[in-house]
Amino acid sequence: MAGSSHLKAGERGWIKVRVNFGYGMGTIVKTVLVFSNDPQRPMVTLTLSADN
């Protein structure tokens, strides 16, 4: 998996995301899906928004 790393339970890490929101298009919303092996939260959705 591109950009993945292995974390033990309780450890933290960083996710770098680069988004091209465009210019002069008003409010733009993008989502990033993060998958894990956590049985309680196997997927988390991060929502990014910008006004331009």
C-alpha atoms as a PDB file:
ATOM      1  CA  MET A   1       0.000   0.000   0.000  1.00  0.00           C
ATOM      2  CA  ALA A   2       1.474   3.330  -1.006  1.00  0.00           C
ATOM      3  CA  GLY A   3       2.577   5.486   1.913  1.00  0.00           C
ATOM      4  CA  SER A   4       1.600   2.970   4.566  1.00  0.00           C
ATOM      5  CA  SER A   5       3.521   2.248   7.732  1.00  0.00           C
ATOM      6  CA  HIS A   6       3.018  -0.244  10.502  1.00  0.00           C
ATOM      7  CA  LEU A   7       1.939   1.082  13.890  1.00  0.00           C
ATOM      8  CA  LYS A   8       1.414  -0.873  17.061  1.00  0.00           C
ATOM      9  CA  ALA A   9      -1.742  -0.411  19.127  1.00  0.00           C
ATOM     10  CA  GLY A  10      -1.717   3.022  20.788  1.00  0.00           C
ATOM     11  CA  GLU A  11       0.991   4.447  18.520  1.00  0.00           C
ATOM     12  CA  ARG A  12       0.451   7.572  16.425  1.00  0.00           C
ATOM     13  CA  GLY A  13       1.486   8.483  12.945  1.00  0.00           C
ATOM     14  CA  TRP A  14       1.061  11.181  10.315  1.00  0.00           C
ATOM     15  CA  ILE A  15      -0.818  11.162   7.050  1.00  0.00           C
ATOM     16  CA  LYS A  16       0.291  13.682   4.450  1.00  0.00           C
ATOM     17  CA  VAL A  17      -2.337  14.720   1.946  1.00  0.00           C
ATOM     18  CA  ARG A  18      -1.894  17.144  -0.936  1.00  0.00           C
ATOM     19  CA  VAL A  19      -5.069  18.370  -2.575  1.00  0.00           C
ATOM     20  CA  ASN A  20      -5.482  20.670  -5.559  1.00  0.00           C
ATOM     21  CA  PHE A  21      -8.680  22.566  -4.734  1.00  0.00           C
ATOM     22  CA  GLY A  22      -8.517  24.709  -7.880  1.00  0.00           C
ATOM     23  CA  TYR A  23      -8.971  28.479  -8.001  1.00  0.00           C
ATOM     24  CA  GLY A  24     -12.087  30.623  -7.985  1.00  0.00           C
ATOM     25  CA  MET A  25     -14.429  27.671  -7.687  1.00  0.00           C
ATOM     26  CA  GLY A  26     -16.094  28.603  -4.357  1.00  0.00           C
ATOM     27  CA  THR A  27     -16.249  26.063  -1.556  1.00  0.00           C
ATOM     28  CA  ILE A  28     -14.559  22.760  -2.415  1.00  0.00           C
ATOM     29  CA  VAL A  29     -14.880  19.606  -0.298  1.00  0.00           C
ATOM     30  CA  LYS A  30     -12.684  16.514  -0.678  1.00  0.00           C
ATOM     31  CA  THR A  31     -12.585  13.289   1.329  1.00  0.00           C
ATOM     32  CA  VAL A  32      -9.768  10.900   2.215  1.00  0.00           C
ATOM     33  CA  LEU A  33     -10.542   7.336   3.302  1.00  0.00           C
ATOM     34  CA  VAL A  34      -8.150   5.813   5.846  1.00  0.00           C
ATOM     35  CA  PHE A  35      -8.305   2.026   6.239  1.00  0.00           C
ATOM     36  CA  SER A  36      -6.961   0.128   9.239  1.00  0.00           C
ATOM     37  CA  ASN A  37      -7.120  -3.261  10.890  1.00  0.00           C
ATOM     38  CA  ASP A  38      -8.981  -1.822  13.919  1.00  0.00           C
ATOM     39  CA  PRO A  39     -12.116  -3.991  14.225  1.00  0.00           C
ATOM     40  CA  GLN A  40     -14.082  -1.107  15.806  1.00  0.00           C
ATOM     41  CA  ARG A  41     -13.087   1.487  13.182  1.00  0.00           C
ATOM     42  CA  PRO A  42     -11.829  -0.258  10.052  1.00  0.00           C
ATOM     43  CA  MET A  43     -12.336   2.915   7.990  1.00  0.00           C
ATOM     44  CA  VAL A  44     -12.231   6.611   8.906  1.00  0.00           C
ATOM     45  CA  THR A  45     -13.305   9.384   6.562  1.00  0.00           C
ATOM     46  CA  LEU A  46     -11.360  12.654   6.708  1.00  0.00           C
ATOM     47  CA  THR A  47     -13.163  15.630   5.192  1.00  0.00           C
ATOM     48  CA  LEU A  48     -11.128  18.545   3.821  1.00  0.00           C
ATOM     49  CA  SER A  49     -12.735  21.824   2.746  1.00  0.00           C
ATOM     50  CA  ALA A  50     -11.563  25.185   1.474  1.00  0.00           C
ATOM     51  CA  ASP A  51     -13.122  28.444   0.313  1.00  0.00           C
ATOM     52  CA  ASN A  52     -11.326  30.141  -2.528  1.00  0.00           C
END
